[in-house]
Structures are given as C-alpha cells and as structure tokens.
Amino acid sequence: MTFTFRPVDPAADAVLLHSWVSAARARFWGMVSATVQDVVEEYTRIAGSGHHQAFLGLDGGVPAFLMERYRPEESPLASVYNVQPGDTGMHLLVAAPAGPSIPGYTTCVMQSVMAHLFEDPGTARVVVEPDSRNHKIHLLNQRVGFRASGLVTLPAVEQAPGCTETHQPETGQPETSQPETRKEALLSFCTRADFLATLTPILAANAAETVGEQR
C-alpha cells in the first residue's frame, strides 16, 4: 500500500465524493441526502475558506479516502476548548473497499494521515471531534495515539437543504425524523509523541525522519 494525497477538485471529484458521503455507512459525515451539486458547493466553500482544506487519499494512485484538515480556532471547537498553538483539526472518511476487505487497512490509512499531518513542523497535536455514537472511529483513534478529553456539544453537521432523513446507529437503515441540531462529540487529542509511540520501531523511525526533513 502506497498512500499519497492531493487536493480535492470540487467539480471533477464531486461524483466520486458523492458516492462516498451519501452512503449509509457514512451517516456521521452528515451528507447522506446530499446531491452531487451539494457536494460541489460544500467543497468549493472549503477550498475558498482559507482555514479548511480537503484532500483525496490515493492508494497506488486510486482514490481510497477523504481527509480534511482545518484550524480549530476557526471552527466551532473554539467555543468548547482552549485552542493551543500547533493544534490541527482532522476529519477522515475511508471509502468502502472495491473488493474483499484487507485486515488492518483502515489503521494503515489512519497512520498515513497522521504522518502526513505531522510532516508540517507547525503541527504539535491533532484534534478530532467524532460523533459520540461512532464507536468504530473511537477505537481507531485510540489505536494511533489519541486520548479522549471528554464529551462536547457542537452544532450538528450541516445537512443538504431539506434533508429530514437520519440513520439508526446500529443498522444504518433510514428512519424519518427532523434533522439533528446538535452533535455530541468525543473531543480527543494526539500529540506527535503519542502517535510515534504507537508505531513499530521501523515505522516510528521513518516518521521521525520525515518530520525532520521538513524542519
């Protein structure tokens, strides 16, 4: 597996991204009922924000995941914790596999994302705020060194206009309801040292060397 990153092209990537974000498995992304045009508009807004960037993660040149990087001080997080210099926010969505699932694949993706973020010498720690019901991502976060700080209440992830469909956390099956107005999130942090401590000695040495080259 060889992962690389490139910026999202809102128009050219919209159909692909729509197929990912509108899937029931991506319900916590908040765009299950979005249209392709909604996706174009959302990622055009992100690209023009100046404080939020979206990247496609490529596995051997093939799109495999979506990663967003943002400045917490420019986000709703600024109202729920004391943002520190060097904090970098991150969102991650891994696409469904095209073939049989590969054990440990998502962990490899997450390790690649973390290493990529820490390539920036200005990044001291990575901040995430997944939905409190998203237990799978909590386990993945712990695996790469995140430490939970506690539950915080944030505005709900924005839905496409007119969206009134939510999904049951256990089954992913749609149910009719009003859109959620708040998100209960598990605020978690990962320092460079905590991330490196989760890697094998060889991976940790490679990651530390990559970081050093960027200084």
N, C-alpha and C. Protein backbone atom coordinates (compact mmCIF):
# COMPACT_ATOMS: atom_id res chain seq x y z
N MET A 1 0.84 -1.19 0.00
CA MET A 1 0.00 0.00 0.00
C MET A 1 0.87 1.24 0.00
N THR A 2 0.64 2.11 -0.97
CA THR A 2 1.37 3.37 -1.06
C THR A 2 0.36 4.51 -1.11
N PHE A 3 0.29 5.29 -0.04
CA PHE A 3 -0.70 6.35 0.05
C PHE A 3 -0.08 7.70 -0.30
N THR A 4 -0.78 8.45 -1.13
CA THR A 4 -0.39 9.82 -1.45
C THR A 4 -1.63 10.70 -1.29
N PHE A 5 -1.42 12.01 -1.30
CA PHE A 5 -2.50 12.96 -1.08
C PHE A 5 -2.50 14.01 -2.18
N ARG A 6 -3.68 14.43 -2.58
CA ARG A 6 -3.82 15.57 -3.48
C ARG A 6 -5.05 16.37 -3.09
N PRO A 7 -5.05 17.68 -3.34
CA PRO A 7 -6.24 18.48 -3.00
C PRO A 7 -7.47 18.03 -3.77
N VAL A 8 -8.61 18.10 -3.13
CA VAL A 8 -9.88 17.79 -3.80
C VAL A 8 -10.16 18.85 -4.86
N ASP A 9 -10.58 18.40 -6.03
CA ASP A 9 -11.09 19.29 -7.08
C ASP A 9 -12.61 19.24 -6.97
N PRO A 10 -13.25 20.29 -6.43
CA PRO A 10 -14.69 20.21 -6.14
C PRO A 10 -15.55 19.76 -7.31
N ALA A 11 -15.27 20.24 -8.52
CA ALA A 11 -16.08 19.87 -9.68
C ALA A 11 -15.73 18.48 -10.19
N ALA A 12 -14.45 18.23 -10.40
CA ALA A 12 -14.02 16.97 -11.01
C ALA A 12 -14.23 15.77 -10.09
N ASP A 13 -14.15 15.98 -8.77
CA ASP A 13 -14.26 14.88 -7.81
C ASP A 13 -15.65 14.72 -7.22
N ALA A 14 -16.60 15.57 -7.61
CA ALA A 14 -17.90 15.60 -6.94
C ALA A 14 -18.66 14.29 -7.04
N VAL A 15 -18.67 13.67 -8.21
CA VAL A 15 -19.44 12.43 -8.38
C VAL A 15 -18.86 11.33 -7.50
N LEU A 16 -17.54 11.21 -7.49
CA LEU A 16 -16.89 10.21 -6.64
C LEU A 16 -17.18 10.48 -5.17
N LEU A 17 -16.97 11.72 -4.74
CA LEU A 17 -17.20 12.04 -3.33
C LEU A 17 -18.66 11.84 -2.94
N HIS A 18 -19.57 12.18 -3.85
CA HIS A 18 -20.99 11.97 -3.56
C HIS A 18 -21.28 10.50 -3.30
N SER A 19 -20.66 9.61 -4.06
CA SER A 19 -20.90 8.18 -3.86
C SER A 19 -20.41 7.72 -2.49
N TRP A 20 -19.42 8.41 -1.95
CA TRP A 20 -18.92 8.06 -0.62
C TRP A 20 -19.76 8.68 0.48
N VAL A 21 -19.99 9.99 0.41
CA VAL A 21 -20.63 10.69 1.53
C VAL A 21 -22.13 10.41 1.63
N SER A 22 -22.76 9.96 0.54
CA SER A 22 -24.20 9.69 0.57
C SER A 22 -24.52 8.25 0.95
N ALA A 23 -23.50 7.42 1.15
CA ALA A 23 -23.72 6.04 1.56
C ALA A 23 -24.16 5.98 3.02
N ALA A 24 -25.00 4.99 3.35
CA ALA A 24 -25.49 4.86 4.72
C ALA A 24 -24.35 4.70 5.72
N ARG A 25 -23.26 4.04 5.30
CA ARG A 25 -22.13 3.82 6.21
C ARG A 25 -21.44 5.13 6.59
N ALA A 26 -21.70 6.19 5.81
CA ALA A 26 -21.08 7.50 6.08
C ALA A 26 -22.05 8.44 6.77
N ARG A 27 -23.02 7.91 7.49
CA ARG A 27 -24.09 8.74 8.06
C ARG A 27 -23.55 9.82 8.99
N PHE A 28 -22.44 9.56 9.68
CA PHE A 28 -21.91 10.57 10.60
C PHE A 28 -21.23 11.72 9.86
N TRP A 29 -21.02 11.56 8.54
CA TRP A 29 -20.45 12.66 7.76
C TRP A 29 -21.48 13.75 7.53
N GLY A 30 -22.77 13.40 7.66
CA GLY A 30 -23.84 14.39 7.59
C GLY A 30 -24.31 14.76 6.21
N MET A 31 -23.98 13.94 5.17
CA MET A 31 -24.37 14.29 3.81
C MET A 31 -25.10 13.15 3.10
N VAL A 32 -25.77 12.29 3.88
CA VAL A 32 -26.44 11.13 3.29
C VAL A 32 -27.45 11.54 2.23
N SER A 33 -28.15 12.65 2.43
CA SER A 33 -29.18 13.09 1.49
C SER A 33 -28.68 14.19 0.55
N ALA A 34 -27.39 14.43 0.53
CA ALA A 34 -26.84 15.48 -0.33
C ALA A 34 -26.92 15.08 -1.80
N THR A 35 -27.01 16.07 -2.67
CA THR A 35 -26.94 15.85 -4.12
C THR A 35 -25.50 16.08 -4.57
N VAL A 36 -25.22 15.73 -5.82
CA VAL A 36 -23.89 15.98 -6.37
C VAL A 36 -23.59 17.48 -6.32
N GLN A 37 -24.59 18.31 -6.63
CA GLN A 37 -24.38 19.76 -6.59
C GLN A 37 -24.08 20.24 -5.18
N ASP A 38 -24.74 19.64 -4.18
CA ASP A 38 -24.43 19.98 -2.79
C ASP A 38 -22.96 19.71 -2.49
N VAL A 39 -22.45 18.59 -3.01
CA VAL A 39 -21.06 18.24 -2.78
C VAL A 39 -20.13 19.25 -3.44
N VAL A 40 -20.45 19.63 -4.68
CA VAL A 40 -19.66 20.66 -5.37
C VAL A 40 -19.61 21.93 -4.54
N GLU A 41 -20.76 22.37 -4.05
CA GLU A 41 -20.83 23.62 -3.30
C GLU A 41 -20.09 23.52 -1.96
N GLU A 42 -20.22 22.39 -1.29
CA GLU A 42 -19.56 22.23 0.01
C GLU A 42 -18.04 22.28 -0.15
N TYR A 43 -17.50 21.55 -1.13
CA TYR A 43 -16.05 21.50 -1.26
C TYR A 43 -15.48 22.73 -1.96
N THR A 44 -16.31 23.44 -2.68
CA THR A 44 -15.90 24.76 -3.18
C THR A 44 -15.79 25.73 -2.02
N ARG A 45 -16.74 25.67 -1.09
CA ARG A 45 -16.70 26.53 0.10
C ARG A 45 -15.46 26.21 0.93
N ILE A 46 -15.16 24.93 1.13
CA ILE A 46 -13.98 24.54 1.90
C ILE A 46 -12.71 25.05 1.23
N ALA A 47 -12.61 24.88 -0.09
CA ALA A 47 -11.41 25.30 -0.82
C ALA A 47 -11.18 26.80 -0.72
N GLY A 48 -12.24 27.56 -0.61
CA GLY A 48 -12.11 29.01 -0.56
C GLY A 48 -12.07 29.59 0.84
N SER A 49 -12.10 28.73 1.86
CA SER A 49 -12.21 29.22 3.24
C SER A 49 -10.93 29.84 3.76
N GLY A 50 -9.80 29.36 3.31
CA GLY A 50 -8.53 29.85 3.83
C GLY A 50 -8.08 29.19 5.12
N HIS A 51 -8.95 28.37 5.74
CA HIS A 51 -8.59 27.71 7.00
C HIS A 51 -9.01 26.25 7.06
N HIS A 52 -9.48 25.73 5.93
CA HIS A 52 -10.01 24.36 5.88
C HIS A 52 -9.63 23.81 4.51
N GLN A 53 -9.00 22.65 4.47
CA GLN A 53 -8.61 22.04 3.20
C GLN A 53 -9.09 20.59 3.14
N ALA A 54 -9.42 20.14 1.94
CA ALA A 54 -9.85 18.75 1.74
C ALA A 54 -8.88 18.07 0.77
N PHE A 55 -8.56 16.81 1.07
CA PHE A 55 -7.61 16.05 0.26
C PHE A 55 -8.18 14.67 -0.05
N LEU A 56 -7.92 14.20 -1.26
CA LEU A 56 -8.18 12.81 -1.60
C LEU A 56 -6.95 12.01 -1.25
N GLY A 57 -7.15 10.90 -0.54
CA GLY A 57 -6.06 9.98 -0.28
C GLY A 57 -6.06 8.91 -1.36
N LEU A 58 -4.92 8.71 -2.00
CA LEU A 58 -4.80 7.77 -3.10
C LEU A 58 -3.99 6.56 -2.67
N ASP A 59 -4.47 5.37 -2.99
CA ASP A 59 -3.75 4.13 -2.73
C ASP A 59 -3.24 3.62 -4.07
N GLY A 60 -1.93 3.80 -4.32
CA GLY A 60 -1.39 3.42 -5.61
C GLY A 60 -2.01 4.22 -6.75
N GLY A 61 -2.39 5.46 -6.46
CA GLY A 61 -2.99 6.33 -7.47
C GLY A 61 -4.50 6.25 -7.55
N VAL A 62 -5.11 5.33 -6.82
CA VAL A 62 -6.57 5.14 -6.86
C VAL A 62 -7.20 5.79 -5.63
N PRO A 63 -8.21 6.66 -5.79
CA PRO A 63 -8.85 7.29 -4.62
C PRO A 63 -9.37 6.26 -3.63
N ALA A 64 -9.00 6.44 -2.36
CA ALA A 64 -9.37 5.47 -1.33
C ALA A 64 -9.98 6.11 -0.10
N PHE A 65 -9.70 7.39 0.15
CA PHE A 65 -10.26 8.04 1.34
C PHE A 65 -10.24 9.55 1.17
N LEU A 66 -11.02 10.20 2.02
CA LEU A 66 -11.14 11.66 2.05
C LEU A 66 -10.64 12.15 3.40
N MET A 67 -9.74 13.12 3.37
CA MET A 67 -9.21 13.70 4.61
C MET A 67 -9.37 15.20 4.56
N GLU A 68 -9.86 15.77 5.65
CA GLU A 68 -9.96 17.21 5.78
C GLU A 68 -9.09 17.69 6.93
N ARG A 69 -8.40 18.79 6.69
CA ARG A 69 -7.57 19.43 7.70
C ARG A 69 -8.12 20.84 7.93
N TYR A 70 -8.21 21.25 9.20
CA TYR A 70 -8.76 22.58 9.47
C TYR A 70 -8.13 23.19 10.71
N ARG A 71 -8.28 24.50 10.84
CA ARG A 71 -7.76 25.20 12.01
C ARG A 71 -8.87 25.26 13.07
N PRO A 72 -8.68 24.63 14.21
CA PRO A 72 -9.73 24.61 15.24
C PRO A 72 -10.19 25.99 15.68
N GLU A 73 -9.28 26.96 15.66
CA GLU A 73 -9.67 28.30 16.12
C GLU A 73 -10.66 28.97 15.19
N GLU A 74 -10.80 28.44 13.97
CA GLU A 74 -11.76 28.97 13.00
C GLU A 74 -13.00 28.10 12.91
N SER A 75 -13.16 27.18 13.84
CA SER A 75 -14.27 26.23 13.81
C SER A 75 -15.08 26.32 15.10
N PRO A 76 -16.21 25.61 15.18
CA PRO A 76 -16.99 25.61 16.43
C PRO A 76 -16.21 25.09 17.63
N LEU A 77 -15.11 24.38 17.41
CA LEU A 77 -14.32 23.89 18.54
C LEU A 77 -13.78 25.02 19.40
N ALA A 78 -13.60 26.19 18.80
CA ALA A 78 -13.04 27.31 19.55
C ALA A 78 -13.89 27.68 20.75
N SER A 79 -15.18 27.31 20.73
CA SER A 79 -16.07 27.68 21.83
C SER A 79 -16.14 26.60 22.92
N VAL A 80 -15.48 25.45 22.69
CA VAL A 80 -15.62 24.36 23.66
C VAL A 80 -14.30 23.92 24.29
N TYR A 81 -13.16 24.43 23.78
CA TYR A 81 -11.90 24.11 24.44
C TYR A 81 -10.90 25.23 24.14
N ASN A 82 -9.85 25.28 24.92
CA ASN A 82 -8.83 26.30 24.79
C ASN A 82 -7.83 25.88 23.71
N VAL A 83 -8.01 26.39 22.50
CA VAL A 83 -7.15 26.00 21.37
C VAL A 83 -5.71 26.42 21.64
N GLN A 84 -4.79 25.47 21.42
CA GLN A 84 -3.38 25.71 21.66
C GLN A 84 -2.63 25.95 20.34
N PRO A 85 -1.55 26.71 20.36
CA PRO A 85 -0.73 26.86 19.15
C PRO A 85 -0.28 25.49 18.66
N GLY A 86 -0.39 25.27 17.37
CA GLY A 86 0.02 23.98 16.81
C GLY A 86 -1.09 22.96 16.73
N ASP A 87 -2.31 23.29 17.18
CA ASP A 87 -3.43 22.37 17.04
C ASP A 87 -3.91 22.33 15.60
N THR A 88 -4.16 21.13 15.08
CA THR A 88 -4.68 20.94 13.73
C THR A 88 -5.86 19.99 13.79
N GLY A 89 -7.01 20.41 13.28
CA GLY A 89 -8.19 19.56 13.26
C GLY A 89 -8.17 18.63 12.06
N MET A 90 -8.81 17.47 12.19
CA MET A 90 -8.81 16.48 11.11
C MET A 90 -10.15 15.74 11.06
N HIS A 91 -10.63 15.50 9.83
CA HIS A 91 -11.76 14.61 9.57
C HIS A 91 -11.29 13.54 8.60
N LEU A 92 -11.81 12.32 8.71
CA LEU A 92 -11.41 11.23 7.82
C LEU A 92 -12.61 10.38 7.44
N LEU A 93 -12.71 10.07 6.15
CA LEU A 93 -13.75 9.17 5.65
C LEU A 93 -13.07 8.19 4.70
N VAL A 94 -13.09 6.90 5.06
CA VAL A 94 -12.48 5.86 4.23
C VAL A 94 -13.57 5.24 3.35
N ALA A 95 -13.29 5.14 2.06
CA ALA A 95 -14.27 4.58 1.12
C ALA A 95 -14.45 3.09 1.36
N ALA A 96 -15.62 2.58 0.98
CA ALA A 96 -15.86 1.15 1.06
C ALA A 96 -14.90 0.43 0.11
N PRO A 97 -14.36 -0.73 0.48
CA PRO A 97 -13.41 -1.42 -0.39
C PRO A 97 -14.08 -1.90 -1.67
N ALA A 98 -13.33 -1.85 -2.76
CA ALA A 98 -13.85 -2.31 -4.05
C ALA A 98 -13.91 -3.83 -4.10
N GLY A 99 -13.06 -4.49 -3.33
CA GLY A 99 -13.02 -5.95 -3.27
C GLY A 99 -13.09 -6.41 -1.83
N PRO A 100 -12.53 -7.58 -1.54
CA PRO A 100 -12.53 -8.08 -0.16
C PRO A 100 -11.81 -7.12 0.79
N SER A 101 -12.30 -7.04 1.99
CA SER A 101 -11.68 -6.18 2.99
C SER A 101 -10.28 -6.68 3.33
N ILE A 102 -9.36 -5.74 3.55
CA ILE A 102 -7.99 -6.08 3.91
C ILE A 102 -7.82 -5.81 5.41
N PRO A 103 -7.53 -6.84 6.20
CA PRO A 103 -7.37 -6.61 7.65
C PRO A 103 -6.32 -5.53 7.92
N GLY A 104 -6.66 -4.58 8.79
CA GLY A 104 -5.72 -3.54 9.18
C GLY A 104 -5.62 -2.39 8.20
N TYR A 105 -6.43 -2.42 7.14
CA TYR A 105 -6.30 -1.38 6.10
C TYR A 105 -6.62 0.00 6.66
N THR A 106 -7.70 0.13 7.40
CA THR A 106 -8.10 1.44 7.91
C THR A 106 -7.06 1.98 8.88
N THR A 107 -6.44 1.10 9.66
CA THR A 107 -5.37 1.55 10.55
C THR A 107 -4.19 2.09 9.75
N CYS A 108 -3.85 1.42 8.64
CA CYS A 108 -2.77 1.91 7.78
C CYS A 108 -3.11 3.28 7.19
N VAL A 109 -4.38 3.46 6.80
CA VAL A 109 -4.82 4.76 6.29
C VAL A 109 -4.65 5.82 7.37
N MET A 110 -5.11 5.53 8.57
CA MET A 110 -5.03 6.50 9.66
C MET A 110 -3.58 6.84 9.99
N GLN A 111 -2.70 5.84 10.01
CA GLN A 111 -1.29 6.10 10.27
C GLN A 111 -0.71 7.02 9.19
N SER A 112 -1.11 6.79 7.94
CA SER A 112 -0.62 7.62 6.84
C SER A 112 -1.12 9.05 6.99
N VAL A 113 -2.37 9.21 7.37
CA VAL A 113 -2.94 10.55 7.57
C VAL A 113 -2.21 11.28 8.69
N MET A 114 -1.98 10.59 9.79
CA MET A 114 -1.30 11.23 10.92
C MET A 114 0.13 11.61 10.56
N ALA A 115 0.83 10.72 9.88
CA ALA A 115 2.20 11.03 9.46
C ALA A 115 2.20 12.24 8.53
N HIS A 116 1.21 12.30 7.64
CA HIS A 116 1.11 13.42 6.70
C HIS A 116 0.89 14.73 7.45
N LEU A 117 0.01 14.72 8.43
CA LEU A 117 -0.26 15.93 9.20
C LEU A 117 0.97 16.37 9.99
N PHE A 118 1.68 15.42 10.56
CA PHE A 118 2.85 15.76 11.36
C PHE A 118 4.08 16.08 10.51
N GLU A 119 3.99 15.92 9.19
CA GLU A 119 5.06 16.39 8.33
C GLU A 119 5.21 17.92 8.42
N ASP A 120 4.12 18.58 8.78
CA ASP A 120 4.15 20.02 8.99
C ASP A 120 4.76 20.29 10.36
N PRO A 121 5.93 20.91 10.43
CA PRO A 121 6.55 21.14 11.74
C PRO A 121 5.72 22.03 12.64
N GLY A 122 4.74 22.76 12.07
CA GLY A 122 3.88 23.61 12.88
C GLY A 122 2.78 22.85 13.58
N THR A 123 2.59 21.57 13.24
CA THR A 123 1.55 20.76 13.88
C THR A 123 2.11 20.11 15.13
N ALA A 124 1.59 20.51 16.28
CA ALA A 124 2.03 19.95 17.56
C ALA A 124 1.13 18.81 18.01
N ARG A 125 -0.17 18.93 17.72
CA ARG A 125 -1.10 17.84 18.04
C ARG A 125 -2.28 17.92 17.09
N VAL A 126 -2.90 16.77 16.89
CA VAL A 126 -4.07 16.66 16.01
C VAL A 126 -5.31 16.55 16.89
N VAL A 127 -6.37 17.25 16.49
CA VAL A 127 -7.62 17.32 17.24
C VAL A 127 -8.73 16.68 16.41
N VAL A 128 -9.53 15.83 17.04
CA VAL A 128 -10.69 15.25 16.36
C VAL A 128 -11.91 15.38 17.25
N GLU A 129 -13.09 15.39 16.62
CA GLU A 129 -14.34 15.54 17.37
C GLU A 129 -15.42 14.66 16.74
N PRO A 130 -15.20 13.31 16.71
CA PRO A 130 -16.20 12.43 16.11
C PRO A 130 -17.47 12.34 16.95
N ASP A 131 -18.55 12.02 16.29
CA ASP A 131 -19.82 11.80 16.97
C ASP A 131 -19.63 10.77 18.08
N SER A 132 -20.24 11.03 19.22
CA SER A 132 -20.07 10.13 20.37
C SER A 132 -20.59 8.72 20.09
N ARG A 133 -21.47 8.57 19.10
CA ARG A 133 -22.03 7.25 18.77
C ARG A 133 -21.15 6.48 17.79
N ASN A 134 -20.11 7.12 17.27
CA ASN A 134 -19.28 6.50 16.24
C ASN A 134 -18.17 5.68 16.90
N HIS A 135 -18.57 4.54 17.47
CA HIS A 135 -17.65 3.76 18.29
C HIS A 135 -16.47 3.20 17.49
N LYS A 136 -16.68 2.90 16.23
CA LYS A 136 -15.58 2.34 15.43
C LYS A 136 -14.44 3.34 15.29
N ILE A 137 -14.79 4.60 15.08
CA ILE A 137 -13.73 5.60 14.90
C ILE A 137 -13.05 5.89 16.24
N HIS A 138 -13.77 5.78 17.35
CA HIS A 138 -13.13 5.98 18.65
C HIS A 138 -12.02 4.95 18.85
N LEU A 139 -12.29 3.70 18.50
CA LEU A 139 -11.29 2.64 18.65
C LEU A 139 -10.10 2.89 17.73
N LEU A 140 -10.39 3.32 16.50
CA LEU A 140 -9.31 3.61 15.56
C LEU A 140 -8.45 4.77 16.07
N ASN A 141 -9.10 5.80 16.60
CA ASN A 141 -8.35 6.94 17.13
C ASN A 141 -7.42 6.50 18.26
N GLN A 142 -7.92 5.68 19.16
CA GLN A 142 -7.09 5.19 20.26
C GLN A 142 -5.88 4.42 19.73
N ARG A 143 -6.09 3.68 18.66
CA ARG A 143 -5.03 2.84 18.11
C ARG A 143 -3.84 3.65 17.62
N VAL A 144 -4.08 4.89 17.18
CA VAL A 144 -2.97 5.70 16.66
C VAL A 144 -2.51 6.76 17.65
N GLY A 145 -2.99 6.69 18.89
CA GLY A 145 -2.45 7.56 19.93
C GLY A 145 -3.35 8.66 20.45
N PHE A 146 -4.60 8.74 19.99
CA PHE A 146 -5.48 9.78 20.50
C PHE A 146 -5.90 9.49 21.94
N ARG A 147 -6.02 10.54 22.71
CA ARG A 147 -6.51 10.44 24.08
C ARG A 147 -7.78 11.27 24.20
N ALA A 148 -8.84 10.63 24.68
CA ALA A 148 -10.13 11.32 24.80
C ALA A 148 -10.06 12.36 25.91
N SER A 149 -10.61 13.54 25.62
CA SER A 149 -10.67 14.61 26.60
C SER A 149 -12.02 14.68 27.28
N GLY A 150 -13.07 14.36 26.53
CA GLY A 150 -14.42 14.39 27.10
C GLY A 150 -15.44 14.75 26.04
N LEU A 151 -16.71 14.68 26.43
CA LEU A 151 -17.79 14.98 25.50
C LEU A 151 -18.01 16.49 25.43
N VAL A 152 -18.25 16.97 24.21
CA VAL A 152 -18.58 18.38 24.00
C VAL A 152 -19.79 18.44 23.07
N THR A 153 -20.52 19.55 23.16
CA THR A 153 -21.68 19.74 22.30
C THR A 153 -21.35 20.76 21.23
N LEU A 154 -21.55 20.36 19.97
CA LEU A 154 -21.25 21.20 18.82
C LEU A 154 -22.49 21.33 17.95
N PRO A 155 -22.51 22.30 17.05
CA PRO A 155 -23.61 22.34 16.08
C PRO A 155 -23.60 21.06 15.26
N ALA A 156 -24.76 20.59 14.86
CA ALA A 156 -24.85 19.38 14.05
C ALA A 156 -24.13 19.58 12.73
N VAL A 157 -23.61 18.49 12.17
CA VAL A 157 -23.01 18.55 10.84
C VAL A 157 -24.08 19.03 9.87
N GLU A 158 -23.74 19.99 9.03
CA GLU A 158 -24.73 20.57 8.13
C GLU A 158 -25.23 19.54 7.14
N GLN A 159 -26.55 19.48 6.98
CA GLN A 159 -27.18 18.58 6.04
C GLN A 159 -27.50 19.33 4.75
N ALA A 160 -27.74 18.57 3.70
CA ALA A 160 -28.19 19.20 2.46
C ALA A 160 -29.55 19.85 2.70
N PRO A 161 -29.89 20.93 1.98
CA PRO A 161 -31.17 21.60 2.18
C PRO A 161 -32.34 20.62 2.07
N GLY A 162 -33.24 20.70 3.05
CA GLY A 162 -34.43 19.86 3.00
C GLY A 162 -34.23 18.46 3.52
N CYS A 163 -33.04 18.15 3.99
CA CYS A 163 -32.77 16.80 4.46
C CYS A 163 -33.51 16.53 5.77
N THR A 164 -34.30 15.48 5.80
CA THR A 164 -35.01 15.11 7.04
C THR A 164 -34.78 13.64 7.36
N GLU A 165 -33.78 13.01 6.72
CA GLU A 165 -33.54 11.59 6.94
C GLU A 165 -32.32 11.41 7.83
N THR A 166 -32.48 10.62 8.88
CA THR A 166 -31.33 10.25 9.70
C THR A 166 -31.20 8.74 9.64
N HIS A 167 -30.17 8.19 10.28
CA HIS A 167 -29.96 6.75 10.25
C HIS A 167 -29.73 6.22 11.66
N GLN A 168 -30.25 5.03 11.89
CA GLN A 168 -30.10 4.41 13.18
C GLN A 168 -28.63 3.99 13.32
N PRO A 169 -27.99 4.31 14.45
CA PRO A 169 -26.58 3.99 14.60
C PRO A 169 -26.27 2.50 14.45
N GLU A 170 -27.17 1.63 14.89
CA GLU A 170 -26.86 0.20 14.89
C GLU A 170 -27.00 -0.42 13.50
N THR A 171 -27.98 0.01 12.73
CA THR A 171 -28.29 -0.69 11.49
C THR A 171 -27.94 0.09 10.25
N GLY A 172 -27.87 1.42 10.36
CA GLY A 172 -27.65 2.23 9.17
C GLY A 172 -28.88 2.36 8.31
N GLN A 173 -30.03 1.85 8.77
CA GLN A 173 -31.25 1.94 7.99
C GLN A 173 -31.93 3.28 8.22
N PRO A 174 -32.51 3.88 7.16
CA PRO A 174 -33.08 5.21 7.32
C PRO A 174 -34.35 5.21 8.15
N GLU A 175 -34.54 6.28 8.86
CA GLU A 175 -35.78 6.50 9.58
C GLU A 175 -36.13 7.98 9.40
N THR A 176 -37.40 8.28 9.39
CA THR A 176 -37.82 9.65 9.16
C THR A 176 -37.82 10.42 10.48
N SER A 177 -37.19 11.58 10.48
CA SER A 177 -37.15 12.42 11.67
C SER A 177 -36.72 13.81 11.25
N GLN A 178 -36.72 14.72 12.21
CA GLN A 178 -36.21 16.05 11.95
C GLN A 178 -34.69 16.03 12.01
N PRO A 179 -34.02 16.89 11.27
CA PRO A 179 -32.56 16.94 11.32
C PRO A 179 -32.08 17.26 12.74
N GLU A 180 -30.97 16.67 13.13
CA GLU A 180 -30.40 16.96 14.43
C GLU A 180 -29.84 18.37 14.43
N THR A 181 -29.98 19.06 15.55
CA THR A 181 -29.48 20.43 15.63
C THR A 181 -28.19 20.51 16.43
N ARG A 182 -27.84 19.43 17.14
CA ARG A 182 -26.62 19.41 17.92
C ARG A 182 -25.90 18.08 17.71
N LYS A 183 -24.59 18.15 17.90
CA LYS A 183 -23.75 16.96 17.79
C LYS A 183 -23.02 16.78 19.11
N GLU A 184 -23.21 15.62 19.73
CA GLU A 184 -22.44 15.29 20.92
C GLU A 184 -21.17 14.60 20.44
N ALA A 185 -20.04 15.21 20.66
CA ALA A 185 -18.78 14.73 20.11
C ALA A 185 -17.80 14.35 21.21
N LEU A 186 -16.93 13.38 20.89
CA LEU A 186 -15.88 12.98 21.82
C LEU A 186 -14.60 13.71 21.40
N LEU A 187 -14.30 14.79 22.09
CA LEU A 187 -13.11 15.58 21.79
C LEU A 187 -11.86 14.79 22.19
N SER A 188 -10.93 14.65 21.26
CA SER A 188 -9.73 13.85 21.52
C SER A 188 -8.51 14.51 20.89
N PHE A 189 -7.34 14.25 21.49
CA PHE A 189 -6.10 14.87 21.05
C PHE A 189 -5.01 13.82 20.87
N CYS A 190 -4.12 14.06 19.91
CA CYS A 190 -2.97 13.19 19.71
C CYS A 190 -1.74 14.05 19.46
N THR A 191 -0.76 13.95 20.34
CA THR A 191 0.50 14.67 20.14
C THR A 191 1.40 13.87 19.21
N ARG A 192 2.43 14.52 18.71
CA ARG A 192 3.40 13.83 17.85
C ARG A 192 4.01 12.63 18.61
N ALA A 193 4.38 12.85 19.87
CA ALA A 193 5.00 11.78 20.66
C ALA A 193 4.05 10.61 20.87
N ASP A 194 2.78 10.91 21.15
CA ASP A 194 1.81 9.84 21.37
C ASP A 194 1.59 9.03 20.09
N PHE A 195 1.59 9.71 18.94
CA PHE A 195 1.44 8.99 17.67
C PHE A 195 2.65 8.09 17.43
N LEU A 196 3.84 8.64 17.56
CA LEU A 196 5.05 7.85 17.30
C LEU A 196 5.14 6.64 18.23
N ALA A 197 4.63 6.78 19.44
CA ALA A 197 4.69 5.69 20.42
C ALA A 197 3.84 4.50 20.02
N THR A 198 2.87 4.70 19.12
CA THR A 198 2.00 3.59 18.71
C THR A 198 2.58 2.81 17.54
N LEU A 199 3.63 3.31 16.92
CA LEU A 199 4.19 2.68 15.73
C LEU A 199 5.25 1.66 16.10
N THR A 200 5.54 0.74 15.16
CA THR A 200 6.66 -0.16 15.34
C THR A 200 7.94 0.66 15.29
N PRO A 201 9.05 0.17 15.81
CA PRO A 201 10.29 0.95 15.76
C PRO A 201 10.68 1.42 14.36
N ILE A 202 10.49 0.57 13.34
CA ILE A 202 10.85 0.95 11.97
C ILE A 202 9.94 2.06 11.48
N LEU A 203 8.63 1.92 11.68
CA LEU A 203 7.69 2.95 11.23
C LEU A 203 7.94 4.26 11.97
N ALA A 204 8.21 4.16 13.26
CA ALA A 204 8.44 5.37 14.05
C ALA A 204 9.70 6.10 13.57
N ALA A 205 10.74 5.35 13.26
CA ALA A 205 11.98 5.96 12.77
C ALA A 205 11.75 6.66 11.44
N ASN A 206 10.99 6.00 10.56
CA ASN A 206 10.69 6.60 9.26
C ASN A 206 9.88 7.87 9.42
N ALA A 207 8.89 7.84 10.30
CA ALA A 207 8.04 9.01 10.51
C ALA A 207 8.84 10.15 11.11
N ALA A 208 9.71 9.83 12.07
CA ALA A 208 10.52 10.88 12.70
C ALA A 208 11.49 11.48 11.70
N GLU A 209 12.04 10.64 10.81
CA GLU A 209 12.96 11.15 9.78
C GLU A 209 12.24 12.06 8.82
N THR A 210 11.00 11.69 8.44
CA THR A 210 10.22 12.53 7.53
C THR A 210 9.94 13.86 8.15
N VAL A 211 9.57 13.87 9.43
CA VAL A 211 9.30 15.11 10.13
C VAL A 211 10.55 15.98 10.15
N GLY A 212 11.71 15.34 10.42
CA GLY A 212 12.95 16.10 10.49
C GLY A 212 13.31 16.77 9.18
N GLU A 213 13.01 16.14 8.09
CA GLU A 213 13.33 16.71 6.78
C GLU A 213 12.52 17.96 6.51
N GLN A 214 11.40 18.12 7.18
CA GLN A 214 10.51 19.24 6.91
C GLN A 214 10.87 20.47 7.74
N ARG A 215 11.76 20.34 8.69
CA ARG A 215 12.07 21.47 9.59
C ARG A 215 12.98 22.47 8.89
